[in-house]
Amino acid sequence: MLDAETVVSLDPDVGYIHRGIEKLAENRMYFKFTPIANKLDYIAAAAWEHLYISCVERLIGLEPPERAVCARMAMVELQRVVSHLFWLGTLSMDLGQPTIFVWAMRERERLLDVFEDIMGGRMTYGWMIIGGLRDDLTPGQAARILAELDRLEKVLPEYLAATERDGLFRERLQGVGAISARDALAYGLTGPAARASGVPYDVRAHAPYLRYTQLGFRMVTRAAGDCWARYEVRRDEMRESMRLVRAALALMPEGPIRAQGAMTLRPPVALSMATPKDGEAFVRNECPRGEGAIMLVSDGSNYPSRSSRSCARG
């Protein structure tokens, strides 16, 4: 229930997608669930693809090669840029700046072309496989990423300046929807929303994965907790993600892209995947809209299990 723009009361509804996804997982072999994991956030499918794949790898104790790790990191951070461009465009449209919407969508489309070239799809992929990558990241593709980043780094300041100079844009964001750090923690906020309220929490810093520690990841925070602070956090996160993409590509060594025993889509390897009986794995990542987490329970078969022990633990 709303009183003008104030939320007076609400009835929480976890929805049906969550439980439906769990049931779909129970009835699919591990490697066949990747397309569904992509759809957990179709604006940032690579982030959730990596989250799911890395959880399976932890479950079975499979470590991907260093080249695959660096390539994954480059694409995951590029995906964050794509996701934040979508945010910038839709926010600008809602605040009466359709020109910025068109510009942001144009830059997003150029990066989606890069995803299509490398991962085979524009919004959902299947490029990461259990134990590595389906296809290598070629020198030409890496150069194309860098060229697109060069272009975006030139035009993005112009887009941001156009929004930040707009008095109406600022008036509709500054001081609006302020959330204190205490309330952010009480509500369970994560991601840019929490960091804009002064909560210095980012999975990339607090539970590092991929190569964030090695590449000197810098967390972005603000203190005001209003809509403008959330704008500033996402703005600066785009810049940091572009830096991380460049660093990951520079770090990426030559070598194999699949570990011994990687799960390809071809039988019989994929059909003979061995999982530990009564095994569990839990992985969390910093997805573009906040913390993502996946837990898997295995019973030794080729299918994720829902054991009574795991359900009791919650």
Protein backbone atom coordinates (compact mmCIF):
# COMPACT_ATOMS: atom_id res chain seq x y z
CA MET A 1 0.00 0.00 0.00
CA LEU A 2 1.30 3.45 -0.94
CA ASP A 3 0.74 6.89 0.53
CA ALA A 4 1.95 9.09 -2.33
CA GLU A 5 5.54 7.81 -2.75
CA THR A 6 5.80 6.31 0.73
CA VAL A 7 5.39 2.56 1.13
CA VAL A 8 3.01 2.14 4.07
CA SER A 9 2.68 -1.63 4.04
CA LEU A 10 3.42 -4.62 1.86
CA ASP A 11 2.69 -8.31 1.56
CA PRO A 12 5.87 -10.22 0.68
CA ASP A 13 5.53 -12.84 -2.03
CA VAL A 14 8.62 -14.88 -2.94
CA GLY A 15 6.98 -15.68 -6.23
CA TYR A 16 7.03 -18.85 -8.23
CA ILE A 17 10.19 -18.58 -10.30
CA HIS A 18 12.48 -19.46 -7.38
CA ARG A 19 10.83 -22.77 -6.50
CA GLY A 20 10.20 -23.58 -10.14
CA ILE A 21 13.91 -23.19 -10.88
CA GLU A 22 14.76 -25.58 -8.05
CA LYS A 23 12.39 -28.23 -9.38
CA LEU A 24 13.79 -27.84 -12.91
CA ALA A 25 17.30 -28.35 -11.49
CA GLU A 26 16.31 -31.62 -9.83
CA ASN A 27 15.23 -33.06 -13.15
CA ARG A 28 18.22 -32.07 -15.27
CA MET A 29 21.77 -33.33 -15.36
CA TYR A 30 24.25 -30.80 -14.06
CA PHE A 31 25.54 -29.73 -17.45
CA LYS A 32 21.99 -29.33 -18.81
CA PHE A 33 21.04 -26.74 -16.19
CA THR A 34 23.39 -24.04 -17.49
CA PRO A 35 20.82 -22.52 -19.93
CA ILE A 36 18.37 -22.13 -17.04
CA ALA A 37 21.02 -20.55 -14.82
CA ASN A 38 21.49 -17.96 -17.57
CA LYS A 39 17.86 -16.97 -17.24
CA LEU A 40 18.05 -16.27 -13.50
CA ASP A 41 19.07 -12.78 -14.64
CA TYR A 42 18.80 -12.45 -18.39
CA ILE A 43 20.22 -8.92 -18.28
CA ALA A 44 23.42 -10.30 -16.73
CA ALA A 45 23.38 -13.95 -17.76
CA ALA A 46 27.17 -14.37 -17.79
CA ALA A 47 27.35 -13.54 -14.08
CA TRP A 48 24.87 -16.27 -13.19
CA GLU A 49 26.34 -18.71 -15.67
CA HIS A 50 29.69 -18.31 -13.93
CA LEU A 51 28.08 -18.58 -10.48
CA TYR A 52 26.42 -21.88 -11.34
CA ILE A 53 29.39 -23.37 -13.17
CA SER A 54 31.78 -22.46 -10.34
CA CYS A 55 29.42 -24.07 -7.82
CA VAL A 56 29.43 -27.35 -9.76
CA GLU A 57 33.22 -27.16 -10.02
CA ARG A 58 33.50 -26.75 -6.25
CA LEU A 59 31.12 -29.66 -5.73
CA ILE A 60 33.22 -32.07 -7.77
CA GLY A 61 36.63 -30.53 -6.99
CA LEU A 62 37.45 -29.45 -10.54
CA GLU A 63 39.74 -26.45 -11.06
CA PRO A 64 39.57 -24.66 -14.44
CA PRO A 65 42.86 -23.63 -16.13
CA GLU A 66 44.24 -20.14 -15.54
CA ARG A 67 43.44 -19.00 -19.09
CA ALA A 68 39.80 -19.94 -18.59
CA VAL A 69 39.69 -18.16 -15.22
CA CYS A 70 41.01 -14.88 -16.68
CA ALA A 71 38.70 -15.10 -19.70
CA ARG A 72 35.72 -15.71 -17.45
CA MET A 73 36.64 -12.70 -15.33
CA ALA A 74 36.90 -10.45 -18.37
CA MET A 75 33.46 -11.50 -19.61
CA VAL A 76 31.82 -11.31 -16.17
CA GLU A 77 33.05 -7.75 -15.65
CA LEU A 78 32.13 -6.79 -19.21
CA GLN A 79 28.68 -8.16 -18.40
CA ARG A 80 28.52 -5.78 -15.41
CA VAL A 81 29.16 -2.87 -17.77
CA VAL A 82 26.39 -4.10 -20.10
CA SER A 83 23.99 -4.45 -17.16
CA HIS A 84 24.79 -0.99 -15.80
CA LEU A 85 24.35 0.55 -19.25
CA PHE A 86 20.85 -0.94 -19.30
CA TRP A 87 20.27 0.63 -15.87
CA LEU A 88 21.55 4.02 -17.05
CA GLY A 89 19.34 3.97 -20.12
CA THR A 90 16.12 2.95 -18.39
CA LEU A 91 16.75 5.37 -15.50
CA SER A 92 17.27 8.23 -17.94
CA MET A 93 14.09 7.37 -19.82
CA ASP A 94 12.11 7.38 -16.57
CA LEU A 95 13.59 10.75 -15.62
CA GLY A 96 12.75 12.40 -18.93
CA GLN A 97 16.01 12.03 -20.84
CA PRO A 98 15.20 9.74 -23.78
CA THR A 99 18.37 10.82 -25.60
CA ILE A 100 20.55 9.20 -22.91
CA PHE A 101 18.38 6.10 -23.17
CA VAL A 102 19.10 5.83 -26.89
CA TRP A 103 22.81 6.45 -26.40
CA ALA A 104 23.14 3.92 -23.55
CA MET A 105 21.25 1.27 -25.51
CA ARG A 106 23.50 1.91 -28.51
CA GLU A 107 26.62 1.26 -26.44
CA ARG A 108 25.01 -1.80 -24.88
CA GLU A 109 24.17 -3.19 -28.32
CA ARG A 110 27.77 -2.81 -29.44
CA LEU A 111 28.92 -4.82 -26.42
CA LEU A 112 26.20 -7.43 -27.03
CA ASP A 113 27.69 -7.84 -30.51
CA VAL A 114 30.97 -8.68 -28.77
CA PHE A 115 29.22 -11.24 -26.56
CA GLU A 116 27.62 -12.79 -29.63
CA ASP A 117 31.00 -13.08 -31.34
CA ILE A 118 32.69 -14.69 -28.33
CA MET A 119 29.96 -16.58 -26.50
CA GLY A 120 27.55 -17.33 -29.31
CA GLY A 121 24.59 -15.39 -27.96
CA ARG A 122 23.56 -11.84 -27.19
CA MET A 123 21.82 -12.34 -23.86
CA THR A 124 22.15 -16.02 -22.84
CA TYR A 125 25.26 -18.03 -23.52
CA GLY A 126 26.48 -21.48 -22.43
CA TRP A 127 30.10 -20.49 -23.09
CA MET A 128 31.40 -21.51 -19.70
CA ILE A 129 31.41 -25.25 -19.15
CA ILE A 130 32.16 -27.30 -16.08
CA GLY A 131 35.94 -27.23 -15.96
CA GLY A 132 36.64 -24.44 -18.42
CA LEU A 133 35.28 -22.85 -21.59
CA ARG A 134 33.43 -24.13 -24.62
CA ASP A 135 35.54 -22.01 -26.97
CA ASP A 136 38.78 -20.10 -26.57
CA LEU A 137 38.99 -16.32 -26.44
CA THR A 138 41.00 -15.52 -29.55
CA PRO A 139 43.50 -12.64 -29.86
CA GLY A 140 41.17 -10.96 -32.33
CA GLN A 141 38.25 -11.17 -29.93
CA ALA A 142 40.35 -9.81 -27.07
CA ALA A 143 41.41 -6.91 -29.30
CA ARG A 144 37.77 -6.25 -30.16
CA ILE A 145 36.90 -6.03 -26.45
CA LEU A 146 39.69 -3.52 -25.89
CA ALA A 147 38.62 -1.46 -28.90
CA GLU A 148 35.03 -1.29 -27.63
CA LEU A 149 36.27 -0.27 -24.18
CA ASP A 150 38.36 2.49 -25.77
CA ARG A 151 35.28 3.78 -27.52
CA LEU A 152 33.05 3.56 -24.47
CA GLU A 153 35.60 5.33 -22.28
CA LYS A 154 35.56 8.24 -24.76
CA VAL A 155 31.79 8.65 -25.02
CA LEU A 156 30.65 7.70 -21.50
CA PRO A 157 31.83 10.98 -19.88
CA GLU A 158 29.69 12.88 -22.39
CA TYR A 159 26.63 10.79 -21.48
CA LEU A 160 27.20 11.20 -17.76
CA ALA A 161 27.87 14.91 -18.07
CA ALA A 162 24.56 15.34 -19.89
CA THR A 163 22.70 13.73 -16.99
CA GLU A 164 24.67 15.38 -14.20
CA ARG A 165 24.28 18.88 -15.64
CA ASP A 166 20.51 18.42 -15.82
CA GLY A 167 18.99 20.13 -12.77
CA LEU A 168 15.77 18.16 -13.09
CA PHE A 169 17.71 14.88 -13.22
CA ARG A 170 19.49 15.72 -9.98
CA GLU A 171 16.33 16.99 -8.28
CA ARG A 172 14.58 13.71 -8.95
CA LEU A 173 17.46 11.72 -7.44
CA GLN A 174 19.13 13.74 -4.69
CA GLY A 175 17.52 13.28 -1.29
CA VAL A 176 14.96 10.84 -2.70
CA GLY A 177 14.55 7.32 -1.36
CA ALA A 178 17.29 7.65 1.24
CA ILE A 179 18.15 4.40 3.03
CA SER A 180 20.46 4.49 6.04
CA ALA A 181 23.22 1.94 6.49
CA ARG A 182 21.32 0.51 9.45
CA ASP A 183 18.14 0.06 7.40
CA ALA A 184 20.10 -1.36 4.46
CA LEU A 185 21.48 -4.06 6.75
CA ALA A 186 18.06 -4.66 8.33
CA TYR A 187 16.43 -5.03 4.91
CA GLY A 188 19.17 -7.34 3.67
CA LEU A 189 20.22 -5.06 0.82
CA THR A 190 23.29 -6.08 -1.15
CA GLY A 191 25.12 -4.81 -4.20
CA PRO A 192 25.11 -1.16 -5.33
CA ALA A 193 22.05 -0.35 -3.21
CA ALA A 194 23.82 -1.35 0.01
CA ARG A 195 27.14 0.24 -0.93
CA ALA A 196 25.37 3.52 -1.74
CA SER A 197 24.11 3.52 1.86
CA GLY A 198 27.62 3.28 3.26
CA VAL A 199 27.69 -0.49 3.74
CA PRO A 200 31.22 -1.50 2.60
CA TYR A 201 30.28 -4.96 1.45
CA ASP A 202 31.19 -6.53 -1.87
CA VAL A 203 31.69 -10.26 -2.37
CA ARG A 204 34.62 -9.50 -4.66
CA ALA A 205 36.40 -7.99 -1.65
CA HIS A 206 35.04 -10.02 1.27
CA ALA A 207 35.07 -13.49 -0.31
CA PRO A 208 37.34 -13.03 -3.34
CA TYR A 209 37.00 -15.34 -6.33
CA LEU A 210 38.45 -15.35 -9.83
CA ARG A 211 41.44 -12.94 -9.67
CA TYR A 212 40.01 -9.86 -7.94
CA THR A 213 42.62 -9.79 -5.18
CA GLN A 214 45.46 -10.15 -7.67
CA LEU A 215 44.12 -7.32 -9.84
CA GLY A 216 43.58 -4.89 -6.97
CA PHE A 217 39.80 -4.62 -6.99
CA ARG A 218 38.56 -1.26 -5.64
CA MET A 219 35.16 -1.19 -3.96
CA VAL A 220 32.86 1.78 -4.69
CA THR A 221 30.78 3.19 -1.82
CA ARG A 222 28.81 6.31 -0.94
CA ALA A 223 27.25 7.50 2.32
CA ALA A 224 24.08 9.41 1.41
CA GLY A 225 21.97 6.32 0.64
CA ASP A 226 19.65 8.21 -1.72
CA CYS A 227 18.90 7.63 -5.40
CA TRP A 228 21.75 9.95 -6.39
CA ALA A 229 24.24 7.90 -4.35
CA ARG A 230 23.01 4.73 -6.04
CA TYR A 231 23.53 6.47 -9.38
CA GLU A 232 27.10 7.42 -8.41
CA VAL A 233 27.96 3.91 -7.26
CA ARG A 234 26.84 2.30 -10.51
CA ARG A 235 28.52 5.04 -12.56
CA ASP A 236 31.86 4.44 -10.85
CA GLU A 237 31.41 0.66 -10.95
CA MET A 238 31.28 0.83 -14.73
CA ARG A 239 34.67 2.53 -14.74
CA GLU A 240 36.13 -0.01 -12.32
CA SER A 241 34.74 -2.92 -14.34
CA MET A 242 36.32 -1.59 -17.52
CA ARG A 243 39.65 -1.40 -15.70
CA LEU A 244 39.23 -4.98 -14.47
CA VAL A 245 38.41 -6.26 -17.98
CA ARG A 246 41.63 -4.77 -19.29
CA ALA A 247 43.60 -6.18 -16.37
CA ALA A 248 42.12 -9.67 -16.76
CA LEU A 249 42.93 -9.75 -20.46
CA ALA A 250 46.49 -8.59 -19.75
CA LEU A 251 46.86 -11.31 -17.11
CA MET A 252 45.42 -14.10 -19.29
CA PRO A 253 48.19 -16.59 -20.13
CA GLU A 254 48.52 -18.94 -23.05
CA GLY A 255 47.48 -22.51 -22.38
CA PRO A 256 44.49 -24.85 -22.27
CA ILE A 257 40.96 -23.64 -21.70
CA ARG A 258 39.66 -26.91 -20.21
CA ALA A 259 40.74 -28.94 -17.23
CA GLN A 260 41.22 -32.67 -17.48
CA GLY A 261 37.73 -34.10 -17.15
CA ALA A 262 35.88 -30.92 -18.15
CA MET A 263 32.20 -31.51 -18.84
CA THR A 264 31.44 -30.89 -22.49
CA LEU A 265 28.00 -31.29 -23.98
CA ARG A 266 29.02 -34.50 -25.70
CA PRO A 267 28.43 -37.96 -24.24
CA PRO A 268 29.77 -40.14 -22.79
CA VAL A 269 31.83 -37.75 -20.62
CA ALA A 270 28.87 -35.57 -19.65
CA LEU A 271 26.75 -38.64 -18.94
CA SER A 272 29.32 -40.21 -16.64
CA MET A 273 29.92 -37.23 -14.37
CA ALA A 274 30.79 -38.37 -10.85
CA THR A 275 29.56 -36.35 -7.87
CA PRO A 276 30.26 -37.04 -4.20
CA LYS A 277 27.55 -38.86 -2.29
CA ASP A 278 26.08 -36.55 0.33
CA GLY A 279 28.17 -33.71 -1.08
CA GLU A 280 27.39 -30.01 -0.78
CA ALA A 281 28.73 -26.85 -2.36
CA PHE A 282 27.78 -23.21 -1.78
CA VAL A 283 29.13 -20.34 -3.88
CA ARG A 284 28.32 -16.64 -3.87
CA ASN A 285 29.34 -13.97 -6.36
CA GLU A 286 28.91 -10.23 -6.73
CA CYS A 287 26.38 -10.08 -9.56
CA PRO A 288 25.54 -6.67 -11.09
CA ARG A 289 22.36 -6.20 -9.04
CA GLY A 290 23.75 -7.62 -5.81
CA GLU A 291 24.95 -10.80 -4.18
CA GLY A 292 24.04 -14.02 -5.97
CA ALA A 293 24.28 -17.41 -4.30
CA ILE A 294 23.76 -21.01 -5.37
CA MET A 295 23.83 -24.15 -3.25
CA LEU A 296 24.04 -27.64 -4.71
CA VAL A 297 23.54 -30.96 -2.95
CA SER A 298 24.69 -34.19 -4.59
CA ASP A 299 23.81 -37.83 -3.98
CA GLY A 300 26.42 -39.38 -6.26
CA SER A 301 24.20 -39.24 -9.35
CA ASN A 302 24.25 -37.00 -12.40
CA TYR A 303 21.38 -34.88 -11.04
CA PRO A 304 21.29 -32.28 -8.24
CA SER A 305 19.56 -33.66 -5.16
CA ARG A 306 17.15 -32.22 -2.64
CA SER A 307 18.09 -34.16 0.48
CA SER A 308 16.17 -33.96 3.75
CA ARG A 309 19.44 -33.05 5.49
CA SER A 310 19.93 -30.03 3.25
CA CYS A 311 16.30 -28.91 3.55
CA ALA A 312 16.44 -29.15 7.32
CA ARG A 313 19.54 -27.00 7.34
CA GLY A 314 17.72 -24.40 5.21
